[in-house]
Amino acid sequence: MLKVFYYANCESCKNAIRFFKKELVRADYIEIIENPPSVEVLRIIYELSGRDLKKMFNTTGRAYSAMNLKNKMPSMTAEQAFALMSANGKLIKRPILLASDDCIIGFDTQKWLVLAIKEEMNS
């Protein structure tokens, strides 16, 4: 089943959830601040999304700035980054759509719908 990681105060996240509900897409909705993904799930998101590790971070957020991560990222290992994100969901870019064999970070209606249809066909 699809998993949507979202932050309740994020407009993109609200739009993504509204879109899926309007299209009657079934998904598990996980509030990323209250229930940040585990290191293992973050590793899967990273591998499936094909994104640069830095692009998994919410680089415009206060937590990212307060921790001076801009200067720490170049020397940080993936495991250190995953540990930080799993401890603080505000560090994670969102929304995230996680399927069984693919992942999209950030909301794009076309990409989300295509992945939802693909996932439905494979289940």
PDB file of N, CA and C in Angstrom:
ATOM      1  N   MET A   1       0.840  -1.188   0.000  1.00  0.00           N
ATOM      2  CA  MET A   1       0.000   0.000   0.000  1.00  0.00           C
ATOM      3  C   MET A   1       0.882   1.247   0.000  1.00  0.00           C
ATOM      4  N   LEU A   2       0.413   2.272  -0.656  1.00  0.00           N
ATOM      5  CA  LEU A   2       1.117   3.552  -0.694  1.00  0.00           C
ATOM      6  C   LEU A   2       1.196   4.150   0.702  1.00  0.00           C
ATOM      7  N   LYS A   3       2.306   4.845   0.964  1.00  0.00           N
ATOM      8  CA  LYS A   3       2.468   5.592   2.210  1.00  0.00           C
ATOM      9  C   LYS A   3       2.741   7.046   1.839  1.00  0.00           C
ATOM     10  N   VAL A   4       2.040   7.931   2.502  1.00  0.00           N
ATOM     11  CA  VAL A   4       2.248   9.364   2.317  1.00  0.00           C
ATOM     12  C   VAL A   4       2.757   9.924   3.639  1.00  0.00           C
ATOM     13  N   PHE A   5       3.979  10.435   3.612  1.00  0.00           N
ATOM     14  CA  PHE A   5       4.542  11.104   4.782  1.00  0.00           C
ATOM     15  C   PHE A   5       4.285  12.596   4.589  1.00  0.00           C
ATOM     16  N   TYR A   6       3.645  13.216   5.571  1.00  0.00           N
ATOM     17  CA  TYR A   6       3.238  14.617   5.435  1.00  0.00           C
ATOM     18  C   TYR A   6       3.435  15.366   6.747  1.00  0.00           C
ATOM     19  N   TYR A   7       3.416  16.692   6.630  1.00  0.00           N
ATOM     20  CA  TYR A   7       3.434  17.572   7.792  1.00  0.00           C
ATOM     21  C   TYR A   7       2.126  18.350   7.753  1.00  0.00           C
ATOM     22  N   ALA A   8       1.384  18.322   8.841  1.00  0.00           N
ATOM     23  CA  ALA A   8       0.034  18.882   8.876  1.00  0.00           C
ATOM     24  C   ALA A   8      -0.026  20.371   8.530  1.00  0.00           C
ATOM     25  N   ASN A   9       1.033  21.135   8.786  1.00  0.00           N
ATOM     26  CA  ASN A   9       1.021  22.573   8.513  1.00  0.00           C
ATOM     27  C   ASN A   9       1.631  22.942   7.167  1.00  0.00           C
ATOM     28  N   CYS A  10       1.909  21.963   6.339  1.00  0.00           N
ATOM     29  CA  CYS A  10       2.557  22.186   5.043  1.00  0.00           C
ATOM     30  C   CYS A  10       1.503  22.242   3.936  1.00  0.00           C
ATOM     31  N   GLU A  11       1.487  23.334   3.171  1.00  0.00           N
ATOM     32  CA  GLU A  11       0.494  23.493   2.108  1.00  0.00           C
ATOM     33  C   GLU A  11       0.637  22.438   1.012  1.00  0.00           C
ATOM     34  N   SER A  12       1.855  22.123   0.625  1.00  0.00           N
ATOM     35  CA  SER A  12       2.055  21.082  -0.395  1.00  0.00           C
ATOM     36  C   SER A  12       1.512  19.747   0.087  1.00  0.00           C
ATOM     37  N   CYS A  13       1.727  19.454   1.354  1.00  0.00           N
ATOM     38  CA  CYS A  13       1.219  18.210   1.940  1.00  0.00           C
ATOM     39  C   CYS A  13      -0.308  18.196   1.940  1.00  0.00           C
ATOM     40  N   LYS A  14      -0.912  19.311   2.336  1.00  0.00           N
ATOM     41  CA  LYS A  14      -2.373  19.408   2.333  1.00  0.00           C
ATOM     42  C   LYS A  14      -2.918  19.209   0.926  1.00  0.00           C
ATOM     43  N   ASN A  15      -2.265  19.813  -0.065  1.00  0.00           N
ATOM     44  CA  ASN A  15      -2.694  19.662  -1.457  1.00  0.00           C
ATOM     45  C   ASN A  15      -2.583  18.219  -1.917  1.00  0.00           C
ATOM     46  N   ALA A  16      -1.509  17.551  -1.533  1.00  0.00           N
ATOM     47  CA  ALA A  16      -1.307  16.156  -1.918  1.00  0.00           C
ATOM     48  C   ALA A  16      -2.400  15.270  -1.332  1.00  0.00           C
ATOM     49  N   ILE A  17      -2.707  15.458  -0.069  1.00  0.00           N
ATOM     50  CA  ILE A  17      -3.736  14.647   0.587  1.00  0.00           C
ATOM     51  C   ILE A  17      -5.102  14.922  -0.027  1.00  0.00           C
ATOM     52  N   ARG A  18      -5.425  16.192  -0.244  1.00  0.00           N
ATOM     53  CA  ARG A  18      -6.707  16.536  -0.890  1.00  0.00           C
ATOM     54  C   ARG A  18      -6.811  15.880  -2.260  1.00  0.00           C
ATOM     55  N   PHE A  19      -5.723  15.941  -3.014  1.00  0.00           N
ATOM     56  CA  PHE A  19      -5.698  15.360  -4.360  1.00  0.00           C
ATOM     57  C   PHE A  19      -5.960  13.855  -4.305  1.00  0.00           C
ATOM     58  N   PHE A  20      -5.256  13.146  -3.437  1.00  0.00           N
ATOM     59  CA  PHE A  20      -5.437  11.694  -3.337  1.00  0.00           C
ATOM     60  C   PHE A  20      -6.852  11.353  -2.879  1.00  0.00           C
ATOM     61  N   LYS A  21      -7.381  12.093  -1.935  1.00  0.00           N
ATOM     62  CA  LYS A  21      -8.744  11.813  -1.460  1.00  0.00           C
ATOM     63  C   LYS A  21      -9.769  12.090  -2.555  1.00  0.00           C
ATOM     64  N   LYS A  22      -9.559  13.146  -3.328  1.00  0.00           N
ATOM     65  CA  LYS A  22     -10.455  13.456  -4.441  1.00  0.00           C
ATOM     66  C   LYS A  22     -10.414  12.351  -5.499  1.00  0.00           C
ATOM     67  N   GLU A  23      -9.218  11.819  -5.741  1.00  0.00           N
ATOM     68  CA  GLU A  23      -9.044  10.758  -6.737  1.00  0.00           C
ATOM     69  C   GLU A  23      -9.323   9.363  -6.158  1.00  0.00           C
ATOM     70  N   LEU A  24      -9.714   9.318  -4.889  1.00  0.00           N
ATOM     71  CA  LEU A  24     -10.032   8.062  -4.192  1.00  0.00           C
ATOM     72  C   LEU A  24      -8.855   7.090  -4.158  1.00  0.00           C
ATOM     73  N   VAL A  25      -7.661   7.638  -4.010  1.00  0.00           N
ATOM     74  CA  VAL A  25      -6.456   6.821  -3.904  1.00  0.00           C
ATOM     75  C   VAL A  25      -6.314   6.359  -2.451  1.00  0.00           C
ATOM     76  N   ARG A  26      -6.139   5.070  -2.278  1.00  0.00           N
ATOM     77  CA  ARG A  26      -5.948   4.517  -0.942  1.00  0.00           C
ATOM     78  C   ARG A  26      -4.475   4.624  -0.558  1.00  0.00           C
ATOM     79  N   ALA A  27      -4.244   5.110   0.655  1.00  0.00           N
ATOM     80  CA  ALA A  27      -2.871   5.261   1.147  1.00  0.00           C
ATOM     81  C   ALA A  27      -2.888   5.320   2.664  1.00  0.00           C
ATOM     82  N   ASP A  28      -1.766   4.990   3.252  1.00  0.00           N
ATOM     83  CA  ASP A  28      -1.557   5.221   4.679  1.00  0.00           C
ATOM     84  C   ASP A  28      -0.949   6.609   4.809  1.00  0.00           C
ATOM     85  N   TYR A  29      -1.531   7.444   5.650  1.00  0.00           N
ATOM     86  CA  TYR A  29      -1.043   8.801   5.859  1.00  0.00           C
ATOM     87  C   TYR A  29      -0.301   8.854   7.193  1.00  0.00           C
ATOM     88  N   ILE A  30       0.953   9.260   7.140  1.00  0.00           N
ATOM     89  CA  ILE A  30       1.809   9.262   8.320  1.00  0.00           C
ATOM     90  C   ILE A  30       2.323  10.683   8.557  1.00  0.00           C
ATOM     91  N   GLU A  31       1.973  11.249   9.698  1.00  0.00           N
ATOM     92  CA  GLU A  31       2.413  12.594  10.044  1.00  0.00           C
ATOM     93  C   GLU A  31       3.898  12.525  10.399  1.00  0.00           C
ATOM     94  N   ILE A  32       4.709  13.195   9.615  1.00  0.00           N
ATOM     95  CA  ILE A  32       6.161  13.047   9.665  1.00  0.00           C
ATOM     96  C   ILE A  32       6.811  13.655  10.912  1.00  0.00           C
ATOM     97  N   ILE A  33       6.159  14.614  11.538  1.00  0.00           N
ATOM     98  CA  ILE A  33       6.724  15.224  12.748  1.00  0.00           C
ATOM     99  C   ILE A  33       6.455  14.323  13.960  1.00  0.00           C
ATOM    100  N   GLU A  34       5.229  13.814  14.053  1.00  0.00           N
ATOM    101  CA  GLU A  34       4.871  12.930  15.156  1.00  0.00           C
ATOM    102  C   GLU A  34       5.482  11.542  15.006  1.00  0.00           C
ATOM    103  N   ASN A  35       5.610  11.077  13.773  1.00  0.00           N
ATOM    104  CA  ASN A  35       6.114   9.732  13.489  1.00  0.00           C
ATOM    105  C   ASN A  35       7.139   9.768  12.365  1.00  0.00           C
ATOM    106  N   PRO A  36       8.325  10.291  12.625  1.00  0.00           N
ATOM    107  CA  PRO A  36       9.329  10.341  11.550  1.00  0.00           C
ATOM    108  C   PRO A  36       9.702   8.927  11.098  1.00  0.00           C
ATOM    109  N   PRO A  37      10.017   8.780   9.823  1.00  0.00           N
ATOM    110  CA  PRO A  37      10.415   7.457   9.335  1.00  0.00           C
ATOM    111  C   PRO A  37      11.682   6.965  10.037  1.00  0.00           C
ATOM    112  N   SER A  38      11.782   5.666  10.178  1.00  0.00           N
ATOM    113  CA  SER A  38      12.968   5.058  10.779  1.00  0.00           C
ATOM    114  C   SER A  38      14.156   5.201   9.828  1.00  0.00           C
ATOM    115  N   VAL A  39      15.330   4.925  10.339  1.00  0.00           N
ATOM    116  CA  VAL A  39      16.538   4.950   9.514  1.00  0.00           C
ATOM    117  C   VAL A  39      16.369   3.989   8.333  1.00  0.00           C
ATOM    118  N   GLU A  40      15.801   2.823   8.583  1.00  0.00           N
ATOM    119  CA  GLU A  40      15.609   1.838   7.515  1.00  0.00           C
ATOM    120  C   GLU A  40      14.682   2.360   6.427  1.00  0.00           C
ATOM    121  N   VAL A  41      13.587   2.989   6.826  1.00  0.00           N
ATOM    122  CA  VAL A  41      12.639   3.542   5.850  1.00  0.00           C
ATOM    123  C   VAL A  41      13.285   4.700   5.097  1.00  0.00           C
ATOM    124  N   LEU A  42      14.032   5.543   5.781  1.00  0.00           N
ATOM    125  CA  LEU A  42      14.726   6.645   5.107  1.00  0.00           C
ATOM    126  C   LEU A  42      15.732   6.131   4.091  1.00  0.00           C
ATOM    127  N   ARG A  43      16.401   5.049   4.406  1.00  0.00           N
ATOM    128  CA  ARG A  43      17.345   4.434   3.468  1.00  0.00           C
ATOM    129  C   ARG A  43      16.601   3.965   2.209  1.00  0.00           C
ATOM    130  N   ILE A  44      15.431   3.370   2.396  1.00  0.00           N
ATOM    131  CA  ILE A  44      14.611   2.919   1.256  1.00  0.00           C
ATOM    132  C   ILE A  44      14.150   4.121   0.427  1.00  0.00           C
ATOM    133  N   ILE A  45      13.675   5.161   1.092  1.00  0.00           N
ATOM    134  CA  ILE A  45      13.243   6.372   0.395  1.00  0.00           C
ATOM    135  C   ILE A  45      14.394   6.937  -0.439  1.00  0.00           C
ATOM    136  N   TYR A  46      15.553   6.997   0.165  1.00  0.00           N
ATOM    137  CA  TYR A  46      16.749   7.512  -0.520  1.00  0.00           C
ATOM    138  C   TYR A  46      17.068   6.681  -1.762  1.00  0.00           C
ATOM    139  N   GLU A  47      17.096   5.369  -1.606  1.00  0.00           N
ATOM    140  CA  GLU A  47      17.448   4.495  -2.727  1.00  0.00           C
ATOM    141  C   GLU A  47      16.405   4.543  -3.835  1.00  0.00           C
ATOM    142  N   LEU A  48      15.123   4.512  -3.473  1.00  0.00           N
ATOM    143  CA  LEU A  48      14.070   4.502  -4.488  1.00  0.00           C
ATOM    144  C   LEU A  48      13.893   5.853  -5.183  1.00  0.00           C
ATOM    145  N   SER A  49      14.115   6.935  -4.438  1.00  0.00           N
ATOM    146  CA  SER A  49      13.899   8.267  -5.026  1.00  0.00           C
ATOM    147  C   SER A  49      15.011   8.650  -6.001  1.00  0.00           C
ATOM    148  N   GLY A  50      16.200   8.091  -5.796  1.00  0.00           N
ATOM    149  CA  GLY A  50      17.324   8.444  -6.657  1.00  0.00           C
ATOM    150  C   GLY A  50      17.823   9.862  -6.447  1.00  0.00           C
ATOM    151  N   ARG A  51      17.425  10.470  -5.359  1.00  0.00           N
ATOM    152  CA  ARG A  51      17.812  11.851  -5.067  1.00  0.00           C
ATOM    153  C   ARG A  51      19.153  11.925  -4.368  1.00  0.00           C
ATOM    154  N   ASP A  52      19.774  13.080  -4.525  1.00  0.00           N
ATOM    155  CA  ASP A  52      20.963  13.407  -3.752  1.00  0.00           C
ATOM    156  C   ASP A  52      20.529  13.490  -2.287  1.00  0.00           C
ATOM    157  N   LEU A  53      21.360  13.031  -1.391  1.00  0.00           N
ATOM    158  CA  LEU A  53      21.024  13.000   0.027  1.00  0.00           C
ATOM    159  C   LEU A  53      20.604  14.372   0.546  1.00  0.00           C
ATOM    160  N   LYS A  54      21.290  15.413   0.131  1.00  0.00           N
ATOM    161  CA  LYS A  54      20.956  16.769   0.599  1.00  0.00           C
ATOM    162  C   LYS A  54      19.530  17.144   0.214  1.00  0.00           C
ATOM    163  N   LYS A  55      19.042  16.633  -0.908  1.00  0.00           N
ATOM    164  CA  LYS A  55      17.692  16.983  -1.376  1.00  0.00           C
ATOM    165  C   LYS A  55      16.605  16.260  -0.596  1.00  0.00           C
ATOM    166  N   MET A  56      16.990  15.389   0.312  1.00  0.00           N
ATOM    167  CA  MET A  56      16.014  14.773   1.217  1.00  0.00           C
ATOM    168  C   MET A  56      15.745  15.666   2.419  1.00  0.00           C
ATOM    169  N   PHE A  57      16.601  16.651   2.620  1.00  0.00           N
ATOM    170  CA  PHE A  57      16.454  17.564   3.752  1.00  0.00           C
ATOM    171  C   PHE A  57      15.574  18.751   3.390  1.00  0.00           C
ATOM    172  N   ASN A  58      14.826  19.229   4.377  1.00  0.00           N
ATOM    173  CA  ASN A  58      14.064  20.463   4.254  1.00  0.00           C
ATOM    174  C   ASN A  58      15.043  21.608   4.530  1.00  0.00           C
ATOM    175  N   THR A  59      15.770  21.989   3.496  1.00  0.00           N
ATOM    176  CA  THR A  59      16.861  22.961   3.663  1.00  0.00           C
ATOM    177  C   THR A  59      16.366  24.371   3.973  1.00  0.00           C
ATOM    178  N   THR A  60      15.076  24.633   3.793  1.00  0.00           N
ATOM    179  CA  THR A  60      14.549  25.966   4.098  1.00  0.00           C
ATOM    180  C   THR A  60      13.965  26.044   5.504  1.00  0.00           C
ATOM    181  N   GLY A  61      13.982  24.946   6.220  1.00  0.00           N
ATOM    182  CA  GLY A  61      13.391  24.914   7.558  1.00  0.00           C
ATOM    183  C   GLY A  61      14.289  25.469   8.634  1.00  0.00           C
ATOM    184  N   ARG A  62      13.658  25.847   9.728  1.00  0.00           N
ATOM    185  CA  ARG A  62      14.394  26.404  10.866  1.00  0.00           C
ATOM    186  C   ARG A  62      15.325  25.383  11.508  1.00  0.00           C
ATOM    187  N   ALA A  63      14.874  24.140  11.594  1.00  0.00           N
ATOM    188  CA  ALA A  63      15.700  23.113  12.239  1.00  0.00           C
ATOM    189  C   ALA A  63      16.999  22.910  11.470  1.00  0.00           C
ATOM    190  N   TYR A  64      16.917  22.912  10.146  1.00  0.00           N
ATOM    191  CA  TYR A  64      18.106  22.737   9.300  1.00  0.00           C
ATOM    192  C   TYR A  64      19.096  23.873   9.557  1.00  0.00           C
ATOM    193  N   SER A  65      18.578  25.099   9.595  1.00  0.00           N
ATOM    194  CA  SER A  65      19.438  26.263   9.850  1.00  0.00           C
ATOM    195  C   SER A  65      20.008  26.249  11.261  1.00  0.00           C
ATOM    196  N   ALA A  66      19.163  25.960  12.241  1.00  0.00           N
ATOM    197  CA  ALA A  66      19.590  25.982  13.640  1.00  0.00           C
ATOM    198  C   ALA A  66      20.705  24.972  13.913  1.00  0.00           C
ATOM    199  N   MET A  67      20.689  23.864  13.172  1.00  0.00           N
ATOM    200  CA  MET A  67      21.705  22.826  13.368  1.00  0.00           C
ATOM    201  C   MET A  67      22.932  23.051  12.481  1.00  0.00           C
ATOM    202  N   ASN A  68      22.910  24.153  11.713  1.00  0.00           N
ATOM    203  CA  ASN A  68      24.026  24.488  10.823  1.00  0.00           C
ATOM    204  C   ASN A  68      24.357  23.336   9.859  1.00  0.00           C
ATOM    205  N   LEU A  69      23.318  22.685   9.366  1.00  0.00           N
ATOM    206  CA  LEU A  69      23.533  21.513   8.519  1.00  0.00           C
ATOM    207  C   LEU A  69      24.110  21.861   7.146  1.00  0.00           C
ATOM    208  N   LYS A  70      23.908  23.077   6.705  1.00  0.00           N
ATOM    209  CA  LYS A  70      24.492  23.490   5.425  1.00  0.00           C
ATOM    210  C   LYS A  70      26.004  23.262   5.445  1.00  0.00           C
ATOM    211  N   ASN A  71      26.645  23.584   6.555  1.00  0.00           N
ATOM    212  CA  ASN A  71      28.097  23.424   6.671  1.00  0.00           C
ATOM    213  C   ASN A  71      28.507  22.009   7.070  1.00  0.00           C
ATOM    214  N   LYS A  72      27.596  21.268   7.692  1.00  0.00           N
ATOM    215  CA  LYS A  72      27.922  19.917   8.148  1.00  0.00           C
ATOM    216  C   LYS A  72      27.663  18.850   7.089  1.00  0.00           C
ATOM    217  N   MET A  73      26.755  19.121   6.156  1.00  0.00           N
ATOM    218  CA  MET A  73      26.366  18.123   5.146  1.00  0.00           C
ATOM    219  C   MET A  73      27.539  17.567   4.338  1.00  0.00           C
ATOM    220  N   PRO A  74      28.477  18.391   3.885  1.00  0.00           N
ATOM    221  CA  PRO A  74      29.548  17.845   3.043  1.00  0.00           C
ATOM    222  C   PRO A  74      30.363  16.722   3.691  1.00  0.00           C
ATOM    223  N   SER A  75      30.483  16.734   5.005  1.00  0.00           N
ATOM    224  CA  SER A  75      31.283  15.703   5.671  1.00  0.00           C
ATOM    225  C   SER A  75      30.418  14.629   6.344  1.00  0.00           C
ATOM    226  N   MET A  76      29.118  14.721   6.201  1.00  0.00           N
ATOM    227  CA  MET A  76      28.212  13.804   6.866  1.00  0.00           C
ATOM    228  C   MET A  76      28.019  12.523   6.046  1.00  0.00           C
ATOM    229  N   THR A  77      28.010  11.380   6.707  1.00  0.00           N
ATOM    230  CA  THR A  77      27.724  10.123   6.020  1.00  0.00           C
ATOM    231  C   THR A  77      26.208   9.983   5.855  1.00  0.00           C
ATOM    232  N   ALA A  78      25.801   9.106   4.971  1.00  0.00           N
ATOM    233  CA  ALA A  78      24.376   8.854   4.770  1.00  0.00           C
ATOM    234  C   ALA A  78      23.742   8.363   6.067  1.00  0.00           C
ATOM    235  N   GLU A  79      24.419   7.476   6.777  1.00  0.00           N
ATOM    236  CA  GLU A  79      23.861   6.946   8.022  1.00  0.00           C
ATOM    237  C   GLU A  79      23.686   8.034   9.074  1.00  0.00           C
ATOM    238  N   GLN A  80      24.614   8.980   9.138  1.00  0.00           N
ATOM    239  CA  GLN A  80      24.471  10.099  10.071  1.00  0.00           C
ATOM    240  C   GLN A  80      23.276  10.964   9.680  1.00  0.00           C
ATOM    241  N   ALA A  81      23.114  11.199   8.387  1.00  0.00           N
ATOM    242  CA  ALA A  81      21.988  12.001   7.898  1.00  0.00           C
ATOM    243  C   ALA A  81      20.660  11.310   8.208  1.00  0.00           C
ATOM    244  N   PHE A  82      20.597   9.999   7.959  1.00  0.00           N
ATOM    245  CA  PHE A  82      19.368   9.256   8.244  1.00  0.00           C
ATOM    246  C   PHE A  82      19.039   9.292   9.734  1.00  0.00           C
ATOM    247  N   ALA A  83      20.057   9.178  10.576  1.00  0.00           N
ATOM    248  CA  ALA A  83      19.843   9.218  12.025  1.00  0.00           C
ATOM    249  C   ALA A  83      19.276  10.573  12.451  1.00  0.00           C
ATOM    250  N   LEU A  84      19.810  11.645  11.904  1.00  0.00           N
ATOM    251  CA  LEU A  84      19.298  12.987  12.216  1.00  0.00           C
ATOM    252  C   LEU A  84      17.841  13.139  11.784  1.00  0.00           C
ATOM    253  N   MET A  85      17.545  12.721  10.552  1.00  0.00           N
ATOM    254  CA  MET A  85      16.182  12.868  10.035  1.00  0.00           C
ATOM    255  C   MET A  85      15.195  12.001  10.811  1.00  0.00           C
ATOM    256  N   SER A  86      15.607  10.797  11.190  1.00  0.00           N
ATOM    257  CA  SER A  86      14.686   9.918  11.917  1.00  0.00           C
ATOM    258  C   SER A  86      14.415  10.438  13.326  1.00  0.00           C
ATOM    259  N   ALA A  87      15.304  11.266  13.834  1.00  0.00           N
ATOM    260  CA  ALA A  87      15.119  11.863  15.161  1.00  0.00           C
ATOM    261  C   ALA A  87      14.333  13.167  15.116  1.00  0.00           C
ATOM    262  N   ASN A  88      14.241  13.796  13.934  1.00  0.00           N
ATOM    263  CA  ASN A  88      13.569  15.088  13.814  1.00  0.00           C
ATOM    264  C   ASN A  88      12.911  15.193  12.437  1.00  0.00           C
ATOM    265  N   GLY A  89      11.621  14.899  12.382  1.00  0.00           N
ATOM    266  CA  GLY A  89      10.877  14.921  11.125  1.00  0.00           C
ATOM    267  C   GLY A  89      10.860  16.273  10.430  1.00  0.00           C
ATOM    268  N   LYS A  90      11.103  17.352  11.170  1.00  0.00           N
ATOM    269  CA  LYS A  90      11.116  18.680  10.539  1.00  0.00           C
ATOM    270  C   LYS A  90      12.303  18.850   9.590  1.00  0.00           C
ATOM    271  N   LEU A  91      13.283  17.972   9.698  1.00  0.00           N
ATOM    272  CA  LEU A  91      14.447  18.045   8.814  1.00  0.00           C
ATOM    273  C   LEU A  91      14.174  17.429   7.440  1.00  0.00           C
ATOM    274  N   ILE A  92      13.073  16.713   7.298  1.00  0.00           N
ATOM    275  CA  ILE A  92      12.802  15.946   6.081  1.00  0.00           C
ATOM    276  C   ILE A  92      11.949  16.736   5.095  1.00  0.00           C
ATOM    277  N   LYS A  93      12.367  16.750   3.843  1.00  0.00           N
ATOM    278  CA  LYS A  93      11.580  17.367   2.776  1.00  0.00           C
ATOM    279  C   LYS A  93      10.319  16.536   2.592  1.00  0.00           C
ATOM    280  N   ARG A  94       9.211  17.203   2.372  1.00  0.00           N
ATOM    281  CA  ARG A  94       7.940  16.521   2.251  1.00  0.00           C
ATOM    282  C   ARG A  94       7.012  17.252   1.303  1.00  0.00           C
ATOM    283  N   PRO A  95       5.927  16.631   0.907  1.00  0.00           N
ATOM    284  CA  PRO A  95       5.468  15.295   1.237  1.00  0.00           C
ATOM    285  C   PRO A  95       6.273  14.226   0.495  1.00  0.00           C
ATOM    286  N   ILE A  96       6.172  13.014   1.005  1.00  0.00           N
ATOM    287  CA  ILE A  96       6.844  11.872   0.392  1.00  0.00           C
ATOM    288  C   ILE A  96       5.786  10.830   0.065  1.00  0.00           C
ATOM    289  N   LEU A  97       5.836  10.337  -1.161  1.00  0.00           N
ATOM    290  CA  LEU A  97       4.964   9.234  -1.579  1.00  0.00           C
ATOM    291  C   LEU A  97       5.840   8.007  -1.751  1.00  0.00           C
ATOM    292  N   LEU A  98       5.604   6.997  -0.922  1.00  0.00           N
ATOM    293  CA  LEU A  98       6.401   5.774  -0.955  1.00  0.00           C
ATOM    294  C   LEU A  98       5.534   4.621  -1.435  1.00  0.00           C
ATOM    295  N   ALA A  99       5.970   3.984  -2.513  1.00  0.00           N
ATOM    296  CA  ALA A  99       5.308   2.801  -3.058  1.00  0.00           C
ATOM    297  C   ALA A  99       6.224   1.604  -2.856  1.00  0.00           C
ATOM    298  N   SER A 100       5.803   0.445  -3.307  1.00  0.00           N
ATOM    299  CA  SER A 100       6.597  -0.764  -3.087  1.00  0.00           C
ATOM    300  C   SER A 100       7.927  -0.735  -3.822  1.00  0.00           C
ATOM    301  N   ASP A 101       7.976  -0.048  -4.974  1.00  0.00           N
ATOM    302  CA  ASP A 101       9.233  -0.032  -5.735  1.00  0.00           C
ATOM    303  C   ASP A 101       9.588   1.332  -6.304  1.00  0.00           C
ATOM    304  N   ASP A 102       9.030   2.385  -5.715  1.00  0.00           N
ATOM    305  CA  ASP A 102       9.315   3.739  -6.189  1.00  0.00           C
ATOM    306  C   ASP A 102       9.000   4.731  -5.078  1.00  0.00           C
ATOM    307  N   CYS A 103       9.510   5.939  -5.238  1.00  0.00           N
ATOM    308  CA  CYS A 103       9.302   6.974  -4.232  1.00  0.00           C
ATOM    309  C   CYS A 103       9.416   8.343  -4.887  1.00  0.00           C
ATOM    310  N   ILE A 104       8.538   9.255  -4.462  1.00  0.00           N
ATOM    311  CA  ILE A 104       8.587  10.635  -4.949  1.00  0.00           C
ATOM    312  C   ILE A 104       8.653  11.557  -3.738  1.00  0.00           C
ATOM    313  N   ILE A 105       9.627  12.450  -3.758  1.00  0.00           N
ATOM    314  CA  ILE A 105       9.750  13.452  -2.699  1.00  0.00           C
ATOM    315  C   ILE A 105       9.307  14.783  -3.291  1.00  0.00           C
ATOM    316  N   GLY A 106       8.320  15.403  -2.649  1.00  0.00           N
ATOM    317  CA  GLY A 106       7.723  16.622  -3.179  1.00  0.00           C
ATOM    318  C   GLY A 106       6.454  16.267  -3.949  1.00  0.00           C
ATOM    319  N   PHE A 107       5.519  17.190  -4.014  1.00  0.00           N
ATOM    320  CA  PHE A 107       4.225  16.913  -4.634  1.00  0.00           C
ATOM    321  C   PHE A 107       4.187  17.382  -6.078  1.00  0.00           C
ATOM    322  N   ASP A 108       3.825  16.458  -6.949  1.00  0.00           N
ATOM    323  CA  ASP A 108       3.595  16.718  -8.370  1.00  0.00           C
ATOM    324  C   ASP A 108       2.392  15.859  -8.754  1.00  0.00           C
ATOM    325  N   THR A 109       1.272  16.496  -9.105  1.00  0.00           N
ATOM    326  CA  THR A 109       0.032  15.756  -9.335  1.00  0.00           C
ATOM    327  C   THR A 109       0.192  14.639 -10.356  1.00  0.00           C
ATOM    328  N   GLN A 110       0.816  14.918 -11.482  1.00  0.00           N
ATOM    329  CA  GLN A 110       0.966  13.897 -12.526  1.00  0.00           C
ATOM    330  C   GLN A 110       1.803  12.719 -12.050  1.00  0.00           C
ATOM    331  N   LYS A 111       2.948  13.004 -11.453  1.00  0.00           N
ATOM    332  CA  LYS A 111       3.830  11.936 -10.991  1.00  0.00           C
ATOM    333  C   LYS A 111       3.167  11.108  -9.892  1.00  0.00           C
ATOM    334  N   TRP A 112       2.475  11.777  -8.983  1.00  0.00           N
ATOM    335  CA  TRP A 112       1.808  11.058  -7.896  1.00  0.00           C
ATOM    336  C   TRP A 112       0.707  10.164  -8.444  1.00  0.00           C
ATOM    337  N   LEU A 113      -0.061  10.673  -9.401  1.00  0.00           N
ATOM    338  CA  LEU A 113      -1.155   9.875  -9.965  1.00  0.00           C
ATOM    339  C   LEU A 113      -0.607   8.678 -10.738  1.00  0.00           C
ATOM    340  N   VAL A 114       0.435   8.882 -11.521  1.00  0.00           N
ATOM    341  CA  VAL A 114       1.041   7.780 -12.277  1.00  0.00           C
ATOM    342  C   VAL A 114       1.552   6.700 -11.316  1.00  0.00           C
ATOM    343  N   LEU A 115       2.223   7.103 -10.252  1.00  0.00           N
ATOM    344  CA  LEU A 115       2.735   6.125  -9.295  1.00  0.00           C
ATOM    345  C   LEU A 115       1.590   5.407  -8.576  1.00  0.00           C
ATOM    346  N   ALA A 116       0.532   6.122  -8.240  1.00  0.00           N
ATOM    347  CA  ALA A 116      -0.620   5.498  -7.582  1.00  0.00           C
ATOM    348  C   ALA A 116      -1.263   4.457  -8.496  1.00  0.00           C
ATOM    349  N   ILE A 117      -1.413   4.775  -9.769  1.00  0.00           N
ATOM    350  CA  ILE A 117      -1.992   3.821 -10.727  1.00  0.00           C
ATOM    351  C   ILE A 117      -1.080   2.615 -10.891  1.00  0.00           C
ATOM    352  N   LYS A 118       0.212   2.868 -11.022  1.00  0.00           N
ATOM    353  CA  LYS A 118       1.178   1.774 -11.147  1.00  0.00           C
ATOM    354  C   LYS A 118       1.112   0.851  -9.929  1.00  0.00           C
ATOM    355  N   GLU A 119       1.057   1.433  -8.746  1.00  0.00           N
ATOM    356  CA  GLU A 119       1.004   0.636  -7.521  1.00  0.00           C
ATOM    357  C   GLU A 119      -0.276  -0.173  -7.464  1.00  0.00           C
ATOM    358  N   GLU A 120      -1.392   0.431  -7.852  1.00  0.00           N
ATOM    359  CA  GLU A 120      -2.680  -0.263  -7.851  1.00  0.00           C
ATOM    360  C   GLU A 120      -2.666  -1.448  -8.818  1.00  0.00           C
ATOM    361  N   MET A 121      -2.046  -1.267  -9.967  1.00  0.00           N
ATOM    362  CA  MET A 121      -1.971  -2.332 -10.970  1.00  0.00           C
ATOM    363  C   MET A 121      -1.102  -3.488 -10.496  1.00  0.00           C
ATOM    364  N   ASN A 122      -0.085  -3.189  -9.677  1.00  0.00           N
ATOM    365  CA  ASN A 122       0.837  -4.215  -9.201  1.00  0.00           C
ATOM    366  C   ASN A 122       0.331  -4.944  -7.958  1.00  0.00           C
ATOM    367  N   SER A 123      -0.761  -4.460  -7.361  1.00  0.00           N
ATOM    368  CA  SER A 123      -1.233  -5.112  -6.130  1.00  0.00           C
ATOM    369  C   SER A 123      -2.313  -6.131  -6.399  1.00  0.00           C
TER     370      SER A 123
END
